[in-house]
PDB file of N, CA and C in Angstrom:
ATOM      1  N   GLN A   1      98.460 111.937  91.756  1.00  0.00           N
ATOM      2  CA  GLN A   1      97.556 110.833  92.331  1.00  0.00           C
ATOM      3  C   GLN A   1      98.287 109.475  91.988  1.00  0.00           C
ATOM      4  N   MET A   2      98.145 108.641  92.967  1.00  0.00           N
ATOM      5  CA  MET A   2      98.763 107.348  92.858  1.00  0.00           C
ATOM      6  C   MET A   2      97.775 106.334  92.344  1.00  0.00           C
ATOM      7  N   HIS A   3      98.185 105.422  91.475  1.00  0.00           N
ATOM      8  CA  HIS A   3      97.408 104.349  90.917  1.00  0.00           C
ATOM      9  C   HIS A   3      98.138 103.084  91.148  1.00  0.00           C
ATOM     10  N   LEU A   4      97.376 101.973  91.449  1.00  0.00           N
ATOM     11  CA  LEU A   4      97.969 100.648  91.527  1.00  0.00           C
ATOM     12  C   LEU A   4      97.472  99.710  90.447  1.00  0.00           C
ATOM     13  N   VAL A   5      98.388  98.953  89.929  1.00  0.00           N
ATOM     14  CA  VAL A   5      97.987  98.031  88.797  1.00  0.00           C
ATOM     15  C   VAL A   5      98.485  96.644  89.155  1.00  0.00           C
ATOM     16  N   GLU A   6      97.517  95.763  89.250  1.00  0.00           N
ATOM     17  CA  GLU A   6      97.881  94.328  89.507  1.00  0.00           C
ATOM     18  C   GLU A   6      98.095  93.622  88.197  1.00  0.00           C
ATOM     19  N   SER A   7      99.023  92.579  88.334  1.00  0.00           N
ATOM     20  CA  SER A   7      99.112  91.653  87.178  1.00  0.00           C
ATOM     21  C   SER A   7      99.563  90.309  87.651  1.00  0.00           C
ATOM     22  N   GLY A   8      99.507  89.311  86.767  1.00  0.00           N
ATOM     23  CA  GLY A   8     100.027  88.013  87.208  1.00  0.00           C
ATOM     24  C   GLY A   8      98.932  86.960  87.410  1.00  0.00           C
ATOM     25  N   GLY A   9      97.734  87.386  87.465  1.00  0.00           N
ATOM     26  CA  GLY A   9      96.681  86.395  87.774  1.00  0.00           C
ATOM     27  C   GLY A   9      96.487  85.470  86.593  1.00  0.00           C
ATOM     28  N   GLY A  10      95.584  84.495  86.846  1.00  0.00           N
ATOM     29  CA  GLY A  10      95.309  83.518  85.681  1.00  0.00           C
ATOM     30  C   GLY A  10      94.796  82.257  86.224  1.00  0.00           C
ATOM     31  N   LEU A  11      94.726  81.249  85.364  1.00  0.00           N
ATOM     32  CA  LEU A  11      94.186  79.911  85.703  1.00  0.00           C
ATOM     33  C   LEU A  11      95.401  78.944  85.904  1.00  0.00           C
ATOM     34  N   VAL A  12      95.320  78.261  87.001  1.00  0.00           N
ATOM     35  CA  VAL A  12      96.381  77.367  87.409  1.00  0.00           C
ATOM     36  C   VAL A  12      95.769  76.137  88.078  1.00  0.00           C
ATOM     37  N   GLN A  13      96.411  74.963  87.878  1.00  0.00           N
ATOM     38  CA  GLN A  13      95.947  73.769  88.533  1.00  0.00           C
ATOM     39  C   GLN A  13      96.330  73.772  89.972  1.00  0.00           C
ATOM     40  N   ALA A  14      95.495  73.006  90.766  1.00  0.00           N
ATOM     41  CA  ALA A  14      95.766  72.910  92.185  1.00  0.00           C
ATOM     42  C   ALA A  14      97.310  72.386  92.379  1.00  0.00           C
ATOM     43  N   GLY A  15      97.894  72.955  93.321  1.00  0.00           N
ATOM     44  CA  GLY A  15      99.227  72.634  93.615  1.00  0.00           C
ATOM     45  C   GLY A  15     100.267  73.416  92.841  1.00  0.00           C
ATOM     46  N   GLY A  16      99.796  74.238  91.911  1.00  0.00           N
ATOM     47  CA  GLY A  16     100.687  75.070  91.114  1.00  0.00           C
ATOM     48  C   GLY A  16     100.956  76.397  91.834  1.00  0.00           C
ATOM     49  N   SER A  17     101.658  77.362  91.077  1.00  0.00           N
ATOM     50  CA  SER A  17     102.134  78.518  91.717  1.00  0.00           C
ATOM     51  C   SER A  17     101.804  79.739  90.742  1.00  0.00           C
ATOM     52  N   LEU A  18     101.694  80.926  91.326  1.00  0.00           N
ATOM     53  CA  LEU A  18     101.592  82.060  90.606  1.00  0.00           C
ATOM     54  C   LEU A  18     102.209  83.204  91.344  1.00  0.00           C
ATOM     55  N   ARG A  19     102.717  84.287  90.677  1.00  0.00           N
ATOM     56  CA  ARG A  19     103.203  85.365  91.322  1.00  0.00           C
ATOM     57  C   ARG A  19     102.447  86.602  90.865  1.00  0.00           C
ATOM     58  N   LEU A  20     101.836  87.310  91.791  1.00  0.00           N
ATOM     59  CA  LEU A  20     101.131  88.569  91.514  1.00  0.00           C
ATOM     60  C   LEU A  20     102.089  89.693  91.695  1.00  0.00           C
ATOM     61  N   SER A  21     101.921  90.746  90.881  1.00  0.00           N
ATOM     62  CA  SER A  21     102.716  91.947  90.972  1.00  0.00           C
ATOM     63  C   SER A  21     101.743  93.140  91.156  1.00  0.00           C
ATOM     64  N   CYS A  22     102.225  94.125  91.873  1.00  0.00           N
ATOM     65  CA  CYS A  22     101.347  95.413  92.008  1.00  0.00           C
ATOM     66  C   CYS A  22     102.336  96.516  91.794  1.00  0.00           C
ATOM     67  N   ALA A  23     102.179  97.159  90.633  1.00  0.00           N
ATOM     68  CA  ALA A  23     103.011  98.316  90.281  1.00  0.00           C
ATOM     69  C   ALA A  23     102.330  99.659  90.580  1.00  0.00           C
ATOM     70  N   VAL A  24     103.094 100.690  90.782  1.00  0.00           N
ATOM     71  CA  VAL A  24     102.568 101.967  91.116  1.00  0.00           C
ATOM     72  C   VAL A  24     102.818 102.991  90.011  1.00  0.00           C
ATOM     73  N   SER A  25     101.826 103.669  89.653  1.00  0.00           N
ATOM     74  CA  SER A  25     102.114 104.874  88.701  1.00  0.00           C
ATOM     75  C   SER A  25     101.680 106.181  89.534  1.00  0.00           C
ATOM     76  N   GLY A  26     102.289 107.150  89.151  1.00  0.00           N
ATOM     77  CA  GLY A  26     102.033 108.489  89.787  1.00  0.00           C
ATOM     78  C   GLY A  26     102.959 108.701  90.914  1.00  0.00           C
ATOM     79  N   ARG A  27     102.469 109.050  92.121  1.00  0.00           N
ATOM     80  CA  ARG A  27     103.242 109.237  93.261  1.00  0.00           C
ATOM     81  C   ARG A  27     104.017 108.001  93.710  1.00  0.00           C
ATOM     82  N   THR A  28     105.196 108.122  94.123  1.00  0.00           N
ATOM     83  CA  THR A  28     105.856 106.946  94.614  1.00  0.00           C
ATOM     84  C   THR A  28     105.223 106.422  95.966  1.00  0.00           C
ATOM     85  N   PHE A  29     105.591 105.124  96.189  1.00  0.00           N
ATOM     86  CA  PHE A  29     104.899 104.548  97.337  1.00  0.00           C
ATOM     87  C   PHE A  29     105.864 104.102  98.417  1.00  0.00           C
ATOM     88  N   ASN A  30     107.128 104.568  98.318  1.00  0.00           N
ATOM     89  CA  ASN A  30     108.176 104.038  99.157  1.00  0.00           C
ATOM     90  C   ASN A  30     107.859 103.968 100.606  1.00  0.00           C
ATOM     91  N   SER A  31     107.125 104.935 101.142  1.00  0.00           N
ATOM     92  CA  SER A  31     106.730 104.980 102.497  1.00  0.00           C
ATOM     93  C   SER A  31     105.374 104.369 102.825  1.00  0.00           C
ATOM     94  N   TYR A  32     104.726 103.697 102.024  1.00  0.00           N
ATOM     95  CA  TYR A  32     103.468 103.126 102.201  1.00  0.00           C
ATOM     96  C   TYR A  32     103.403 101.682 102.585  1.00  0.00           C
ATOM     97  N   THR A  33     102.655 101.473 103.576  1.00  0.00           N
ATOM     98  CA  THR A  33     102.282 100.015 103.916  1.00  0.00           C
ATOM     99  C   THR A  33     101.389  99.458 102.800  1.00  0.00           C
ATOM    100  N   ARG A  34     101.665  98.209 102.434  1.00  0.00           N
ATOM    101  CA  ARG A  34     100.936  97.667 101.359  1.00  0.00           C
ATOM    102  C   ARG A  34     100.291  96.280 101.835  1.00  0.00           C
ATOM    103  N   GLY A  35      99.146  95.989 101.145  1.00  0.00           N
ATOM    104  CA  GLY A  35      98.459  94.779 101.363  1.00  0.00           C
ATOM    105  C   GLY A  35      97.871  94.173 100.157  1.00  0.00           C
ATOM    106  N   TRP A  36      97.642  92.772 100.277  1.00  0.00           N
ATOM    107  CA  TRP A  36      97.058  91.991  99.293  1.00  0.00           C
ATOM    108  C   TRP A  36      95.778  91.536  99.909  1.00  0.00           C
ATOM    109  N   PHE A  37      94.639  91.724  99.221  1.00  0.00           N
ATOM    110  CA  PHE A  37      93.367  91.298  99.675  1.00  0.00           C
ATOM    111  C   PHE A  37      92.740  90.374  98.600  1.00  0.00           C
ATOM    112  N   ARG A  38      91.723  89.579  98.984  1.00  0.00           N
ATOM    113  CA  ARG A  38      91.013  88.855  97.977  1.00  0.00           C
ATOM    114  C   ARG A  38      89.506  88.811  98.294  1.00  0.00           C
ATOM    115  N   GLN A  39      88.708  88.585  97.290  1.00  0.00           N
ATOM    116  CA  GLN A  39      87.271  88.408  97.464  1.00  0.00           C
ATOM    117  C   GLN A  39      86.764  87.319  96.468  1.00  0.00           C
ATOM    118  N   ALA A  40      86.204  86.351  97.036  1.00  0.00           N
ATOM    119  CA  ALA A  40      85.617  85.233  96.335  1.00  0.00           C
ATOM    120  C   ALA A  40      84.114  85.551  96.210  1.00  0.00           C
ATOM    121  N   PRO A  41      83.474  85.033  95.187  1.00  0.00           N
ATOM    122  CA  PRO A  41      81.965  85.285  94.945  1.00  0.00           C
ATOM    123  C   PRO A  41      81.156  84.966  96.192  1.00  0.00           C
ATOM    124  N   GLY A  42      80.335  85.887  96.574  1.00  0.00           N
ATOM    125  CA  GLY A  42      79.494  85.669  97.740  1.00  0.00           C
ATOM    126  C   GLY A  42      80.143  85.746  99.111  1.00  0.00           C
ATOM    127  N   LYS A  43      81.396  86.185  99.073  1.00  0.00           N
ATOM    128  CA  LYS A  43      82.270  86.311 100.372  1.00  0.00           C
ATOM    129  C   LYS A  43      82.759  87.678 100.642  1.00  0.00           C
ATOM    130  N   GLU A  44      83.089  87.995 101.788  1.00  0.00           N
ATOM    131  CA  GLU A  44      83.611  89.305 102.164  1.00  0.00           C
ATOM    132  C   GLU A  44      85.092  89.415 101.668  1.00  0.00           C
ATOM    133  N   ARG A  45      85.476  90.599 101.436  1.00  0.00           N
ATOM    134  CA  ARG A  45      86.890  90.856 101.074  1.00  0.00           C
ATOM    135  C   ARG A  45      87.810  90.592 102.315  1.00  0.00           C
ATOM    136  N   GLU A  46      88.867  89.757 102.153  1.00  0.00           N
ATOM    137  CA  GLU A  46      89.644  89.470 103.307  1.00  0.00           C
ATOM    138  C   GLU A  46      91.127  89.762 102.982  1.00  0.00           C
ATOM    139  N   LEU A  47      91.920  90.022 104.074  1.00  0.00           N
ATOM    140  CA  LEU A  47      93.282  90.213 103.914  1.00  0.00           C
ATOM    141  C   LEU A  47      94.002  88.911 103.660  1.00  0.00           C
ATOM    142  N   VAL A  48      94.912  88.927 102.687  1.00  0.00           N
ATOM    143  CA  VAL A  48      95.724  87.815 102.491  1.00  0.00           C
ATOM    144  C   VAL A  48      97.169  87.922 103.022  1.00  0.00           C
ATOM    145  N   ALA A  49      97.788  89.110 102.738  1.00  0.00           N
ATOM    146  CA  ALA A  49      99.079  89.393 103.335  1.00  0.00           C
ATOM    147  C   ALA A  49      99.296  90.900 103.385  1.00  0.00           C
ATOM    148  N   ALA A  50     100.163  91.356 104.253  1.00  0.00           N
ATOM    149  CA  ALA A  50     100.477  92.768 104.388  1.00  0.00           C
ATOM    150  C   ALA A  50     101.980  92.920 104.641  1.00  0.00           C
ATOM    151  N   ILE A  51     102.557  94.023 104.308  1.00  0.00           N
ATOM    152  CA  ILE A  51     103.927  94.341 104.521  1.00  0.00           C
ATOM    153  C   ILE A  51     104.068  95.764 104.914  1.00  0.00           C
ATOM    154  N   SER A  52     104.870  96.055 105.944  1.00  0.00           N
ATOM    155  CA  SER A  52     105.088  97.433 106.360  1.00  0.00           C
ATOM    156  C   SER A  52     105.918  98.274 105.385  1.00  0.00           C
ATOM    157  N   TRP A  53     105.831  99.588 105.499  1.00  0.00           N
ATOM    158  CA  TRP A  53     106.523 100.372 104.567  1.00  0.00           C
ATOM    159  C   TRP A  53     108.087 100.034 104.607  1.00  0.00           C
ATOM    160  N   SER A  54     108.561  99.599 105.809  1.00  0.00           N
ATOM    161  CA  SER A  54     109.919  99.415 105.913  1.00  0.00           C
ATOM    162  C   SER A  54     110.338  97.994 105.250  1.00  0.00           C
ATOM    163  N   GLY A  55     109.320  97.189 105.154  1.00  0.00           N
ATOM    164  CA  GLY A  55     109.588  95.818 104.597  1.00  0.00           C
ATOM    165  C   GLY A  55     109.989  94.783 105.633  1.00  0.00           C
ATOM    166  N   VAL A  56     110.171  95.263 106.902  1.00  0.00           N
ATOM    167  CA  VAL A  56     110.659  94.318 107.888  1.00  0.00           C
ATOM    168  C   VAL A  56     109.588  93.536 108.579  1.00  0.00           C
ATOM    169  N   SER A  57     108.377  94.018 108.394  1.00  0.00           N
ATOM    170  CA  SER A  57     107.265  93.302 109.075  1.00  0.00           C
ATOM    171  C   SER A  57     106.190  92.795 108.025  1.00  0.00           C
ATOM    172  N   THR A  58     105.938  91.495 108.070  1.00  0.00           N
ATOM    173  CA  THR A  58     104.867  90.941 107.205  1.00  0.00           C
ATOM    174  C   THR A  58     103.917  90.152 108.044  1.00  0.00           C
ATOM    175  N   GLY A  59     102.691  90.032 107.430  1.00  0.00           N
ATOM    176  CA  GLY A  59     101.668  89.275 108.172  1.00  0.00           C
ATOM    177  C   GLY A  59     100.833  88.516 107.115  1.00  0.00           C
ATOM    178  N   TYR A  60     100.211  87.403 107.495  1.00  0.00           N
ATOM    179  CA  TYR A  60      99.445  86.617 106.557  1.00  0.00           C
ATOM    180  C   TYR A  60      98.192  86.065 107.271  1.00  0.00           C
ATOM    181  N   ALA A  61      97.212  85.845 106.374  1.00  0.00           N
ATOM    182  CA  ALA A  61      96.005  85.102 106.884  1.00  0.00           C
ATOM    183  C   ALA A  61      96.481  83.705 107.199  1.00  0.00           C
ATOM    184  N   ASP A  62      95.801  83.042 108.214  1.00  0.00           N
ATOM    185  CA  ASP A  62      96.127  81.753 108.612  1.00  0.00           C
ATOM    186  C   ASP A  62      96.019  80.732 107.483  1.00  0.00           C
ATOM    187  N   SER A  63      95.032  81.032 106.559  1.00  0.00           N
ATOM    188  CA  SER A  63      94.794  80.109 105.513  1.00  0.00           C
ATOM    189  C   SER A  63      95.847  80.032 104.377  1.00  0.00           C
ATOM    190  N   VAL A  64      96.798  80.995 104.411  1.00  0.00           N
ATOM    191  CA  VAL A  64      97.901  81.059 103.386  1.00  0.00           C
ATOM    192  C   VAL A  64      99.216  80.966 104.056  1.00  0.00           C
ATOM    193  N   LYS A  65      99.369  80.939 105.342  1.00  0.00           N
ATOM    194  CA  LYS A  65     100.679  80.897 105.892  1.00  0.00           C
ATOM    195  C   LYS A  65     101.332  79.592 105.446  1.00  0.00           C
ATOM    196  N   GLY A  66     102.667  79.850 105.222  1.00  0.00           N
ATOM    197  CA  GLY A  66     103.500  78.738 104.692  1.00  0.00           C
ATOM    198  C   GLY A  66     103.364  78.460 103.241  1.00  0.00           C
ATOM    199  N   ARG A  67     102.418  79.099 102.591  1.00  0.00           N
ATOM    200  CA  ARG A  67     102.220  78.915 101.035  1.00  0.00           C
ATOM    201  C   ARG A  67     102.457  80.186 100.259  1.00  0.00           C
ATOM    202  N   PHE A  68     102.126  81.341 100.946  1.00  0.00           N
ATOM    203  CA  PHE A  68     102.176  82.630 100.231  1.00  0.00           C
ATOM    204  C   PHE A  68     103.272  83.473 100.836  1.00  0.00           C
ATOM    205  N   SER A  69     103.894  84.294 100.036  1.00  0.00           N
ATOM    206  CA  SER A  69     104.925  85.146 100.524  1.00  0.00           C
ATOM    207  C   SER A  69     104.799  86.592  99.936  1.00  0.00           C
ATOM    208  N   ILE A  70     104.748  87.645 100.685  1.00  0.00           N
ATOM    209  CA  ILE A  70     104.660  89.021 100.199  1.00  0.00           C
ATOM    210  C   ILE A  70     106.084  89.625 100.251  1.00  0.00           C
ATOM    211  N   SER A  71     106.412  90.360  99.299  1.00  0.00           N
ATOM    212  CA  SER A  71     107.716  91.107  99.299  1.00  0.00           C
ATOM    213  C   SER A  71     107.563  92.433  98.596  1.00  0.00           C
ATOM    214  N   ARG A  72     108.554  93.315  98.626  1.00  0.00           N
ATOM    215  CA  ARG A  72     108.508  94.510  97.939  1.00  0.00           C
ATOM    216  C   ARG A  72     109.827  94.898  97.390  1.00  0.00           C
ATOM    217  N   ASP A  73     109.834  95.579  96.340  1.00  0.00           N
ATOM    218  CA  ASP A  73     111.055  96.178  95.739  1.00  0.00           C
ATOM    219  C   ASP A  73     110.822  97.670  95.513  1.00  0.00           C
ATOM    220  N   ASN A  74     111.282  98.435  96.593  1.00  0.00           N
ATOM    221  CA  ASN A  74     110.996  99.874  96.477  1.00  0.00           C
ATOM    222  C   ASN A  74     111.792 100.567  95.182  1.00  0.00           C
ATOM    223  N   ALA A  75     112.773 100.046  94.733  1.00  0.00           N
ATOM    224  CA  ALA A  75     113.473 100.566  93.611  1.00  0.00           C
ATOM    225  C   ALA A  75     112.504 100.470  92.447  1.00  0.00           C
ATOM    226  N   LYS A  76     111.743  99.445  92.369  1.00  0.00           N
ATOM    227  CA  LYS A  76     110.750  99.275  91.281  1.00  0.00           C
ATOM    228  C   LYS A  76     109.365  99.616  91.518  1.00  0.00           C
ATOM    229  N   ASN A  77     109.187 100.178  92.712  1.00  0.00           N
ATOM    230  CA  ASN A  77     107.811 100.612  93.124  1.00  0.00           C
ATOM    231  C   ASN A  77     106.835  99.477  92.951  1.00  0.00           C
ATOM    232  N   THR A  78     107.198  98.319  93.337  1.00  0.00           N
ATOM    233  CA  THR A  78     106.329  97.131  93.133  1.00  0.00           C
ATOM    234  C   THR A  78     106.323  96.224  94.283  1.00  0.00           C
ATOM    235  N   VAL A  79     105.169  95.672  94.583  1.00  0.00           N
ATOM    236  CA  VAL A  79     104.961  94.684  95.589  1.00  0.00           C
ATOM    237  C   VAL A  79     104.554  93.365  94.982  1.00  0.00           C
ATOM    238  N   TYR A  80     104.976  92.280  95.585  1.00  0.00           N
ATOM    239  CA  TYR A  80     104.690  90.971  94.962  1.00  0.00           C
ATOM    240  C   TYR A  80     103.993  90.005  95.960  1.00  0.00           C
ATOM    241  N   LEU A  81     103.228  89.116  95.418  1.00  0.00           N
ATOM    242  CA  LEU A  81     102.641  88.063  96.169  1.00  0.00           C
ATOM    243  C   LEU A  81     102.996  86.732  95.490  1.00  0.00           C
ATOM    244  N   GLN A  82     103.892  85.963  96.091  1.00  0.00           N
ATOM    245  CA  GLN A  82     104.231  84.649  95.588  1.00  0.00           C
ATOM    246  C   GLN A  82     103.260  83.614  96.171  1.00  0.00           C
ATOM    247  N   MET A  83     102.515  82.980  95.299  1.00  0.00           N
ATOM    248  CA  MET A  83     101.574  81.961  95.801  1.00  0.00           C
ATOM    249  C   MET A  83     101.962  80.603  95.376  1.00  0.00           C
ATOM    250  N   ASN A  84     102.164  79.674  96.331  1.00  0.00           N
ATOM    251  CA  ASN A  84     102.615  78.364  96.030  1.00  0.00           C
ATOM    252  C   ASN A  84     101.604  77.370  96.534  1.00  0.00           C
ATOM    253  N   SER A  85     101.635  76.148  96.175  1.00  0.00           N
ATOM    254  CA  SER A  85     100.693  75.089  96.598  1.00  0.00           C
ATOM    255  C   SER A  85      99.217  75.522  96.563  1.00  0.00           C
ATOM    256  N   LEU A  86      98.837  76.164  95.422  1.00  0.00           N
ATOM    257  CA  LEU A  86      97.510  76.699  95.377  1.00  0.00           C
ATOM    258  C   LEU A  86      96.419  75.701  95.515  1.00  0.00           C
ATOM    259  N   LYS A  87      95.295  76.110  96.171  1.00  0.00           N
ATOM    260  CA  LYS A  87      94.201  75.275  96.382  1.00  0.00           C
ATOM    261  C   LYS A  87      92.907  75.937  95.695  1.00  0.00           C
ATOM    262  N   SER A  88      91.924  75.117  95.461  1.00  0.00           N
ATOM    263  CA  SER A  88      90.682  75.610  94.745  1.00  0.00           C
ATOM    264  C   SER A  88      90.122  76.793  95.612  1.00  0.00           C
ATOM    265  N   GLU A  89      90.273  76.677  96.900  1.00  0.00           N
ATOM    266  CA  GLU A  89      89.681  77.710  97.802  1.00  0.00           C
ATOM    267  C   GLU A  89      90.415  79.067  97.712  1.00  0.00           C
ATOM    268  N   ASP A  90      91.595  79.124  97.030  1.00  0.00           N
ATOM    269  CA  ASP A  90      92.288  80.382  96.803  1.00  0.00           C
ATOM    270  C   ASP A  90      91.750  81.065  95.652  1.00  0.00           C
ATOM    271  N   THR A  91      90.856  80.506  94.889  1.00  0.00           N
ATOM    272  CA  THR A  91      90.156  81.146  93.765  1.00  0.00           C
ATOM    273  C   THR A  91      89.389  82.487  94.165  1.00  0.00           C
ATOM    274  N   ALA A  92      89.799  83.611  93.670  1.00  0.00           N
ATOM    275  CA  ALA A  92      89.179  84.802  94.002  1.00  0.00           C
ATOM    276  C   ALA A  92      89.754  85.906  93.120  1.00  0.00           C
ATOM    277  N   VAL A  93      89.196  87.215  93.236  1.00  0.00           N
ATOM    278  CA  VAL A  93      89.833  88.327  92.696  1.00  0.00           C
ATOM    279  C   VAL A  93      90.787  88.877  93.715  1.00  0.00           C
ATOM    280  N   TYR A  94      91.959  89.085  93.324  1.00  0.00           N
ATOM    281  CA  TYR A  94      93.010  89.603  94.245  1.00  0.00           C
ATOM    282  C   TYR A  94      93.266  91.048  94.009  1.00  0.00           C
ATOM    283  N   TYR A  95      93.232  91.820  95.190  1.00  0.00           N
ATOM    284  CA  TYR A  95      93.400  93.237  95.050  1.00  0.00           C
ATOM    285  C   TYR A  95      94.693  93.784  95.866  1.00  0.00           C
ATOM    286  N   CYS A  96      95.315  94.650  95.231  1.00  0.00           N
ATOM    287  CA  CYS A  96      96.510  95.262  95.846  1.00  0.00           C
ATOM    288  C   CYS A  96      96.080  96.585  96.486  1.00  0.00           C
ATOM    289  N   ALA A  97      96.499  96.930  97.708  1.00  0.00           N
ATOM    290  CA  ALA A  97      96.135  98.107  98.406  1.00  0.00           C
ATOM    291  C   ALA A  97      97.310  98.852  99.036  1.00  0.00           C
ATOM    292  N   ALA A  98      97.140 100.171  99.205  1.00  0.00           N
ATOM    293  CA  ALA A  98      98.178 100.968  99.871  1.00  0.00           C
ATOM    294  C   ALA A  98      97.557 101.670 101.016  1.00  0.00           C
ATOM    295  N   ALA A  99      98.102 101.767 102.138  1.00  0.00           N
ATOM    296  CA  ALA A  99      97.777 102.541 103.279  1.00  0.00           C
ATOM    297  C   ALA A  99      98.660 103.805 103.364  1.00  0.00           C
ATOM    298  N   LEU A 100      98.118 104.965 103.199  1.00  0.00           N
ATOM    299  CA  LEU A 100      98.901 106.218 103.038  1.00  0.00           C
ATOM    300  C   LEU A 100      99.392 106.714 104.472  1.00  0.00           C
ATOM    301  N   ARG A 101      98.650 106.374 105.483  1.00  0.00           N
ATOM    302  CA  ARG A 101      99.022 106.792 106.870  1.00  0.00           C
ATOM    303  C   ARG A 101     100.316 106.169 107.294  1.00  0.00           C
ATOM    304  N   ASP A 102     101.192 106.852 107.942  1.00  0.00           N
ATOM    305  CA  ASP A 102     102.374 106.264 108.479  1.00  0.00           C
ATOM    306  C   ASP A 102     102.072 105.866 109.939  1.00  0.00           C
ATOM    307  N   GLY A 103     101.901 104.534 109.979  1.00  0.00           N
ATOM    308  CA  GLY A 103     101.608 103.966 111.308  1.00  0.00           C
ATOM    309  C   GLY A 103     102.869 103.441 112.050  1.00  0.00           C
ATOM    310  N   GLY A 104     104.002 103.660 111.447  1.00  0.00           N
ATOM    311  CA  GLY A 104     105.208 103.258 112.101  1.00  0.00           C
ATOM    312  C   GLY A 104     105.987 102.127 111.358  1.00  0.00           C
ATOM    313  N   TYR A 105     107.128 101.930 111.838  1.00  0.00           N
ATOM    314  CA  TYR A 105     108.074 101.090 111.118  1.00  0.00           C
ATOM    315  C   TYR A 105     107.550  99.674 110.881  1.00  0.00           C
ATOM    316  N   TYR A 106     106.780  99.133 111.783  1.00  0.00           N
ATOM    317  CA  TYR A 106     106.294  97.709 111.748  1.00  0.00           C
ATOM    318  C   TYR A 106     104.865  97.738 111.441  1.00  0.00           C
ATOM    319  N   TRP A 107     104.224  98.854 111.117  1.00  0.00           N
ATOM    320  CA  TRP A 107     102.751  98.862 110.960  1.00  0.00           C
ATOM    321  C   TRP A 107     102.256  98.155 109.619  1.00  0.00           C
ATOM    322  N   ARG A 108     101.385  97.274 109.755  1.00  0.00           N
ATOM    323  CA  ARG A 108     100.870  96.552 108.632  1.00  0.00           C
ATOM    324  C   ARG A 108      99.432  96.073 109.003  1.00  0.00           C
ATOM    325  N   PRO A 109      98.504  96.949 108.887  1.00  0.00           N
ATOM    326  CA  PRO A 109      97.131  96.575 109.362  1.00  0.00           C
ATOM    327  C   PRO A 109      96.460  95.611 108.567  1.00  0.00           C
ATOM    328  N   SER A 110      95.540  94.866 109.257  1.00  0.00           N
ATOM    329  CA  SER A 110      94.781  93.775 108.655  1.00  0.00           C
ATOM    330  C   SER A 110      93.384  94.273 108.111  1.00  0.00           C
ATOM    331  N   SER A 111      92.972  95.358 108.592  1.00  0.00           N
ATOM    332  CA  SER A 111      91.551  95.832 108.252  1.00  0.00           C
ATOM    333  C   SER A 111      91.674  96.596 106.874  1.00  0.00           C
ATOM    334  N   GLN A 112      90.716  96.290 105.979  1.00  0.00           N
ATOM    335  CA  GLN A 112      90.746  96.865 104.700  1.00  0.00           C
ATOM    336  C   GLN A 112      90.410  98.392 104.843  1.00  0.00           C
ATOM    337  N   TYR A 113      89.873  98.760 105.991  1.00  0.00           N
ATOM    338  CA  TYR A 113      89.431 100.226 106.117  1.00  0.00           C
ATOM    339  C   TYR A 113      90.699 101.084 106.410  1.00  0.00           C
ATOM    340  N   GLU A 114      91.776 100.480 106.659  1.00  0.00           N
ATOM    341  CA  GLU A 114      93.048 101.189 106.932  1.00  0.00           C
ATOM    342  C   GLU A 114      93.714 101.578 105.618  1.00  0.00           C
ATOM    343  N   TYR A 115      93.263 100.983 104.483  1.00  0.00           N
ATOM    344  CA  TYR A 115      93.935 101.193 103.212  1.00  0.00           C
ATOM    345  C   TYR A 115      93.122 102.152 102.350  1.00  0.00           C
ATOM    346  N   ASP A 116      93.877 103.041 101.700  1.00  0.00           N
ATOM    347  CA  ASP A 116      93.258 104.148 101.011  1.00  0.00           C
ATOM    348  C   ASP A 116      93.119 104.026  99.524  1.00  0.00           C
ATOM    349  N   THR A 117      94.108 103.435  98.861  1.00  0.00           N
ATOM    350  CA  THR A 117      94.186 103.190  97.473  1.00  0.00           C
ATOM    351  C   THR A 117      94.184 101.840  97.087  1.00  0.00           C
ATOM    352  N   TRP A 118      93.355 101.406  96.033  1.00  0.00           N
ATOM    353  CA  TRP A 118      93.165 100.074  95.610  1.00  0.00           C
ATOM    354  C   TRP A 118      93.411  99.966  94.096  1.00  0.00           C
ATOM    355  N   GLY A 119      93.908  98.774  93.677  1.00  0.00           N
ATOM    356  CA  GLY A 119      94.028  98.476  92.335  1.00  0.00           C
ATOM    357  C   GLY A 119      92.614  97.947  91.852  1.00  0.00           C
ATOM    358  N   GLN A 120      92.699  97.565  90.550  1.00  0.00           N
ATOM    359  CA  GLN A 120      91.386  97.129  89.943  1.00  0.00           C
ATOM    360  C   GLN A 120      91.129  95.579  90.142  1.00  0.00           C
ATOM    361  N   GLY A 121      92.121  94.945  90.594  1.00  0.00           N
ATOM    362  CA  GLY A 121      91.997  93.490  90.873  1.00  0.00           C
ATOM    363  C   GLY A 121      92.389  92.624  89.744  1.00  0.00           C
ATOM    364  N   THR A 122      92.850  91.413  90.125  1.00  0.00           N
ATOM    365  CA  THR A 122      93.256  90.389  89.087  1.00  0.00           C
ATOM    366  C   THR A 122      92.662  89.135  89.575  1.00  0.00           C
ATOM    367  N   GLN A 123      92.133  88.345  88.585  1.00  0.00           N
ATOM    368  CA  GLN A 123      91.446  87.126  88.795  1.00  0.00           C
ATOM    369  C   GLN A 123      92.455  85.948  88.980  1.00  0.00           C
ATOM    370  N   VAL A 124      92.302  85.116  90.034  1.00  0.00           N
ATOM    371  CA  VAL A 124      93.043  83.967  90.176  1.00  0.00           C
ATOM    372  C   VAL A 124      92.146  82.736  90.269  1.00  0.00           C
ATOM    373  N   THR A 125      92.259  81.795  89.423  1.00  0.00           N
ATOM    374  CA  THR A 125      91.376  80.689  89.402  1.00  0.00           C
ATOM    375  C   THR A 125      92.185  79.399  89.529  1.00  0.00           C
ATOM    376  N   VAL A 126      91.892  78.625  90.516  1.00  0.00           N
ATOM    377  CA  VAL A 126      92.627  77.408  90.771  1.00  0.00           C
ATOM    378  C   VAL A 126      91.655  76.234  90.489  1.00  0.00           C
ATOM    379  N   SER A 127      92.097  75.434  89.486  1.00  0.00           N
ATOM    380  CA  SER A 127      91.269  74.244  89.140  1.00  0.00           C
ATOM    381  C   SER A 127      91.662  73.024  89.890  1.00  0.00           C
ATOM    382  N   SER A 128      90.716  72.197  90.370  1.00  0.00           N
ATOM    383  CA  SER A 128      91.104  70.959  91.141  1.00  0.00           C
ATOM    384  C   SER A 128      91.158  69.857  90.224  1.00  0.00           C
TER     385      SER A 128
END
C-alpha cells in the first residue's frame, strides 16, 4: 500500500518562498500522475498544480501561474512544489495526491476525484 507524506509547510511573510515535498512510502509511484491541492478554511479543495507520470506535462491554477512550479524526481520517489512570491491568499492546507490510473503520457487531471491516494496535508501560512 502506498502512502504519501508532505513536508515543508510553515509560516512565511508575503513575498517569501517555500518548497513543499511529497515523499512516497510503500509502493513506488514512478508511473503515477501527481497533484498538489489546497484547501483554505471555508473553501472547497482546489487544484494548485499537477504533473503527468512522464514529467513532461504540467498544469497550474491561474492564481499560481508564474509563481509556483511543480517537479518530480522519480529516483527519490518525490514530488515538489516550489512556491515563490507568496501571498496571503495562498494560506491553506496543502495536500499531495496520486492518480493510480494510467491516463497516458500527458495526463494530469485537474479534478480531485481522479486522484486515489492522498497525504495528510501540510499547513502553509502567509502573513501580510
